[in-house]
Amino acid sequence: MTRASENPSASAEPLLMNVLDTLGTEIISGILEEGRTFTLHDLSTRFGISRTVAREVMRALEQLGLVLSSRRVGIKVLPSSEWDVFDSAVIGWRWKADSERQLKELSELRFSVEPVAAVIAARCASEAEGAELVAMAEEMSELVKAGKREDFLATDLKFHTLILKASRNDMFHALAPSILHALEDSAHHDHQGTGLENDAVEAHLALAEAIVARDPDGAERASRAVMSDFTPCCCA
């Protein structure tokens, strides 16, 4: 007997995720427009899935705020104001549907939060956190010299995550995955090779040093300088 046959839900999960991805993309792109209704039977017929799997898909969409289910109406597509826009799945679907808008909105969120987090980190970061930030900034400089773009981006994400953590603001830290999508997407949006990293290295080091020096004003200035190197054209 196979593992899947021992656990029917294990074999159903990939199918569930595929259907969920298709419907999530269609709702967010507007193919399934706001107010559109459908039923579990519609899902079962369209995708060739059981009613149980269809119900799981509906529940997942409902948890993300994309649909509302009721016995009288069926499954109704909700407006974008109801979506859980910080969920990684919704971020991914929005990116596929309208990358420019998604990048713009994530970047605006980042530009609103990170300078404030840097100011607080300059007051609250531990000595160990400050030393780690400086070490990562110096590492990024070496990675740029070596032309290791992907390693640079990975270290950059860790650097910004640590600043949000060092702010001692749980809400900022909780927003880190969403905010850092903007950083990652900005980097992949850049088509000019390593120039982006070369321009940013000095600002990263200045930011780390300002946090170590307990200089909130300097940290804010350096944070804005770092982000200016990653500002996508849609935010100009």
Protein backbone atom coordinates (compact mmCIF):
# COMPACT_ATOMS: atom_id res chain seq x y z
CA MET A 1 0.00 0.00 0.00
CA THR A 2 1.41 3.42 -0.91
CA ARG A 3 1.78 6.32 1.48
CA ALA A 4 -0.78 8.33 -0.51
CA SER A 5 -3.36 5.56 -0.31
CA GLU A 6 -2.83 5.37 3.44
CA ASN A 7 -3.51 9.10 3.66
CA PRO A 8 -5.98 10.30 1.01
CA SER A 9 -5.42 13.94 1.95
CA ALA A 10 -1.74 13.62 1.00
CA SER A 11 -2.59 12.79 -2.60
CA ALA A 12 -5.29 15.49 -2.73
CA GLU A 13 -3.07 18.31 -1.48
CA PRO A 14 -1.11 19.01 -4.70
CA LEU A 15 -4.40 19.13 -6.62
CA LEU A 16 -5.90 21.42 -4.00
CA MET A 17 -2.92 23.78 -4.25
CA ASN A 18 -3.10 23.83 -8.05
CA VAL A 19 -6.81 24.69 -8.02
CA LEU A 20 -6.26 27.27 -5.28
CA ASP A 21 -3.45 28.89 -7.27
CA THR A 22 -5.59 29.03 -10.42
CA LEU A 23 -8.59 30.56 -8.67
CA GLY A 24 -6.51 32.96 -6.59
CA THR A 25 -4.80 34.25 -9.71
CA GLU A 26 -8.11 34.58 -11.58
CA ILE A 27 -9.77 36.48 -8.74
CA ILE A 28 -6.89 38.90 -8.22
CA SER A 29 -6.39 39.49 -11.95
CA GLY A 30 -10.12 40.22 -12.38
CA ILE A 31 -10.92 37.22 -14.57
CA LEU A 32 -13.31 36.23 -11.78
CA GLU A 33 -14.53 39.73 -11.06
CA GLU A 34 -15.90 41.17 -7.82
CA GLY A 35 -19.45 39.96 -7.15
CA ARG A 36 -19.12 36.88 -9.34
CA THR A 37 -20.71 33.80 -7.79
CA PHE A 38 -20.10 30.09 -8.21
CA THR A 39 -20.77 26.88 -6.32
CA LEU A 40 -18.88 23.86 -5.04
CA HIS A 41 -20.47 21.93 -7.88
CA ASP A 42 -19.03 24.44 -10.36
CA LEU A 43 -15.56 23.88 -8.91
CA SER A 44 -15.94 20.11 -8.93
CA THR A 45 -17.08 20.12 -12.56
CA ARG A 46 -14.51 22.59 -13.85
CA PHE A 47 -11.46 21.03 -12.20
CA GLY A 48 -12.57 17.41 -11.93
CA ILE A 49 -12.18 17.40 -8.16
CA SER A 50 -14.23 15.90 -5.37
CA ARG A 51 -16.66 17.99 -3.36
CA THR A 52 -14.34 17.58 -0.37
CA VAL A 53 -11.39 19.13 -2.23
CA ALA A 54 -13.65 21.87 -3.62
CA ARG A 55 -14.77 22.70 -0.10
CA GLU A 56 -11.14 22.92 1.10
CA VAL A 57 -10.33 25.29 -1.77
CA MET A 58 -13.33 27.43 -0.88
CA ARG A 59 -12.28 27.57 2.78
CA ALA A 60 -8.74 28.59 1.85
CA LEU A 61 -10.01 31.38 -0.41
CA GLU A 62 -12.40 32.48 2.31
CA GLN A 63 -9.61 32.66 4.90
CA LEU A 64 -7.65 34.92 2.54
CA GLY A 65 -10.65 37.23 2.16
CA LEU A 66 -11.05 36.53 -1.55
CA VAL A 67 -14.52 34.98 -1.33
CA LEU A 68 -17.48 34.69 1.02
CA SER A 69 -19.55 31.54 1.17
CA SER A 70 -23.23 31.38 2.09
CA ARG A 71 -25.97 28.83 1.52
CA ARG A 72 -28.24 31.37 -0.13
CA VAL A 73 -25.76 32.93 -2.57
CA GLY A 74 -23.05 30.31 -2.93
CA ILE A 75 -19.43 31.45 -3.19
CA LYS A 76 -19.09 35.16 -3.93
CA VAL A 77 -15.92 36.97 -5.03
CA LEU A 78 -15.13 39.82 -2.63
CA PRO A 79 -13.64 43.27 -3.41
CA SER A 80 -9.90 43.82 -3.04
CA SER A 81 -10.49 45.79 0.16
CA GLU A 82 -11.29 42.47 1.85
CA TRP A 83 -8.18 40.58 0.71
CA ASP A 84 -5.43 39.58 3.14
CA VAL A 85 -2.81 41.53 1.19
CA PHE A 86 -0.02 40.62 3.62
CA ASP A 87 -0.41 36.89 3.02
CA SER A 88 2.42 35.44 0.92
CA ALA A 89 -0.01 33.68 -1.44
CA VAL A 90 -1.94 36.88 -2.11
CA ILE A 91 1.32 38.77 -2.64
CA GLY A 92 2.37 36.15 -5.18
CA TRP A 93 -0.94 36.28 -7.03
CA ARG A 94 -0.89 40.07 -7.10
CA TRP A 95 2.64 39.97 -8.45
CA LYS A 96 1.55 37.70 -11.30
CA ALA A 97 -1.53 39.80 -12.02
CA ASP A 98 0.02 43.29 -11.86
CA SER A 99 3.70 43.33 -10.92
CA GLU A 100 4.06 47.11 -11.24
CA ARG A 101 1.23 47.85 -8.83
CA GLN A 102 2.33 45.16 -6.38
CA LEU A 103 5.90 46.45 -6.40
CA LYS A 104 4.67 50.03 -5.96
CA GLU A 105 2.46 49.22 -2.97
CA LEU A 106 5.00 46.99 -1.23
CA SER A 107 7.68 49.62 -1.78
CA GLU A 108 5.46 52.34 -0.33
CA LEU A 109 4.90 50.15 2.73
CA ARG A 110 8.63 49.58 3.05
CA PHE A 111 9.46 53.28 2.67
CA SER A 112 6.94 54.11 5.42
CA VAL A 113 8.19 51.52 7.92
CA GLU A 114 11.94 51.02 7.50
CA PRO A 115 13.19 54.54 8.35
CA VAL A 116 11.12 54.47 11.55
CA ALA A 117 12.46 51.01 12.37
CA ALA A 118 16.01 52.27 11.80
CA VAL A 119 15.45 55.19 14.20
CA ILE A 120 14.17 52.84 16.90
CA ALA A 121 16.93 50.30 16.23
CA ALA A 122 19.50 53.05 16.82
CA ARG A 123 18.02 53.41 20.29
CA CYS A 124 17.20 49.79 21.10
CA ALA A 125 19.53 47.43 19.20
CA SER A 126 21.89 45.34 21.30
CA GLU A 127 25.64 45.56 20.84
CA ALA A 128 25.58 42.11 19.26
CA GLU A 129 22.92 43.18 16.76
CA GLY A 130 24.86 46.31 15.89
CA ALA A 131 28.04 44.33 15.35
CA GLU A 132 26.17 41.85 13.17
CA LEU A 133 24.75 44.66 11.02
CA VAL A 134 28.23 46.11 10.47
CA ALA A 135 29.60 42.66 9.65
CA MET A 136 26.82 42.06 7.11
CA ALA A 137 27.36 45.48 5.50
CA GLU A 138 31.07 44.73 5.16
CA GLU A 139 30.25 41.28 3.77
CA MET A 140 27.99 42.88 1.14
CA SER A 141 30.89 45.08 0.07
CA GLU A 142 33.07 42.02 -0.48
CA LEU A 143 30.29 40.20 -2.32
CA VAL A 144 29.88 43.13 -4.71
CA LYS A 145 33.61 43.13 -5.42
CA ALA A 146 33.39 39.40 -6.12
CA GLY A 147 30.37 39.88 -8.40
CA LYS A 148 28.24 37.50 -6.31
CA ARG A 149 24.86 39.13 -6.89
CA GLU A 150 22.63 36.40 -5.45
CA ASP A 151 24.74 36.10 -2.29
CA PHE A 152 24.61 39.89 -1.95
CA LEU A 153 20.80 39.87 -2.19
CA ALA A 154 20.52 37.08 0.39
CA THR A 155 22.71 38.99 2.85
CA ASP A 156 20.79 42.19 2.12
CA LEU A 157 17.51 40.51 3.08
CA LYS A 158 19.05 39.33 6.37
CA PHE A 159 20.36 42.84 7.02
CA HIS A 160 16.95 44.48 6.66
CA THR A 161 15.22 41.71 8.61
CA LEU A 162 17.59 42.30 11.52
CA ILE A 163 16.88 46.05 11.52
CA LEU A 164 13.14 45.37 11.76
CA LYS A 165 13.80 42.87 14.56
CA ALA A 166 16.14 45.28 16.37
CA SER A 167 13.36 47.89 16.48
CA ARG A 168 11.75 45.75 19.19
CA ASN A 169 8.41 46.43 17.52
CA ASP A 170 6.60 43.13 17.09
CA MET A 171 4.32 44.57 14.41
CA PHE A 172 7.28 45.79 12.34
CA HIS A 173 8.93 42.40 12.69
CA ALA A 174 5.69 40.65 11.69
CA LEU A 175 5.57 42.79 8.54
CA ALA A 176 9.11 41.78 7.58
CA PRO A 177 8.14 39.07 5.04
CA SER A 178 5.81 41.45 3.21
CA ILE A 179 8.20 44.39 3.33
CA LEU A 180 11.13 42.32 2.15
CA HIS A 181 9.14 41.11 -0.85
CA ALA A 182 9.48 44.71 -2.03
CA LEU A 183 13.23 44.59 -1.58
CA GLU A 184 13.56 41.26 -3.36
CA ASP A 185 11.20 42.24 -6.17
CA SER A 186 12.97 45.58 -6.61
CA ALA A 187 16.26 43.78 -7.05
CA HIS A 188 14.82 41.38 -9.62
CA HIS A 189 13.17 44.35 -11.34
CA ASP A 190 16.58 45.94 -11.87
CA HIS A 191 18.07 45.10 -15.24
CA GLN A 192 21.34 47.00 -14.89
CA GLY A 193 23.61 44.31 -13.53
CA THR A 194 25.62 45.06 -10.37
CA GLY A 195 25.39 48.85 -10.45
CA LEU A 196 22.51 48.80 -7.97
CA GLU A 197 24.58 47.01 -5.32
CA ASN A 198 27.66 49.22 -5.82
CA ASP A 199 25.59 52.34 -5.18
CA ALA A 200 23.97 50.83 -2.09
CA VAL A 201 26.95 49.40 -0.21
CA GLU A 202 28.16 52.66 1.37
CA ALA A 203 24.65 53.55 2.50
CA HIS A 204 24.24 50.12 4.14
CA LEU A 205 27.50 50.57 6.06
CA ALA A 206 26.49 54.10 7.10
CA LEU A 207 23.16 52.74 8.35
CA ALA A 208 24.82 49.98 10.37
CA GLU A 209 27.35 52.41 11.85
CA ALA A 210 24.63 54.91 12.78
CA ILE A 211 22.76 52.18 14.66
CA VAL A 212 25.95 51.17 16.49
CA ALA A 213 26.64 54.85 17.32
CA ARG A 214 23.12 55.30 18.74
CA ASP A 215 22.48 58.02 16.16
CA PRO A 216 18.74 57.95 15.31
CA ASP A 217 18.90 60.90 12.90
CA GLY A 218 21.85 59.40 11.07
CA ALA A 219 20.11 56.02 10.93
CA GLU A 220 17.02 57.58 9.38
CA ARG A 221 19.06 59.44 6.75
CA ALA A 222 21.06 56.34 5.91
CA SER A 223 17.91 54.20 5.72
CA ARG A 224 16.36 56.58 3.21
CA ALA A 225 19.61 56.62 1.23
CA VAL A 226 19.61 52.82 1.10
CA MET A 227 16.03 52.73 -0.13
CA SER A 228 16.60 55.44 -2.74
CA ASP A 229 18.89 53.01 -4.55
CA PHE A 230 16.03 50.52 -4.79
CA THR A 231 13.19 52.90 -5.60
CA PRO A 232 11.28 51.41 -8.57
CA CYS A 233 10.25 53.76 -11.34
CA CYS A 234 6.57 53.25 -10.52
CA CYS A 235 7.12 54.99 -7.16
CA ALA A 236 8.79 58.03 -8.62
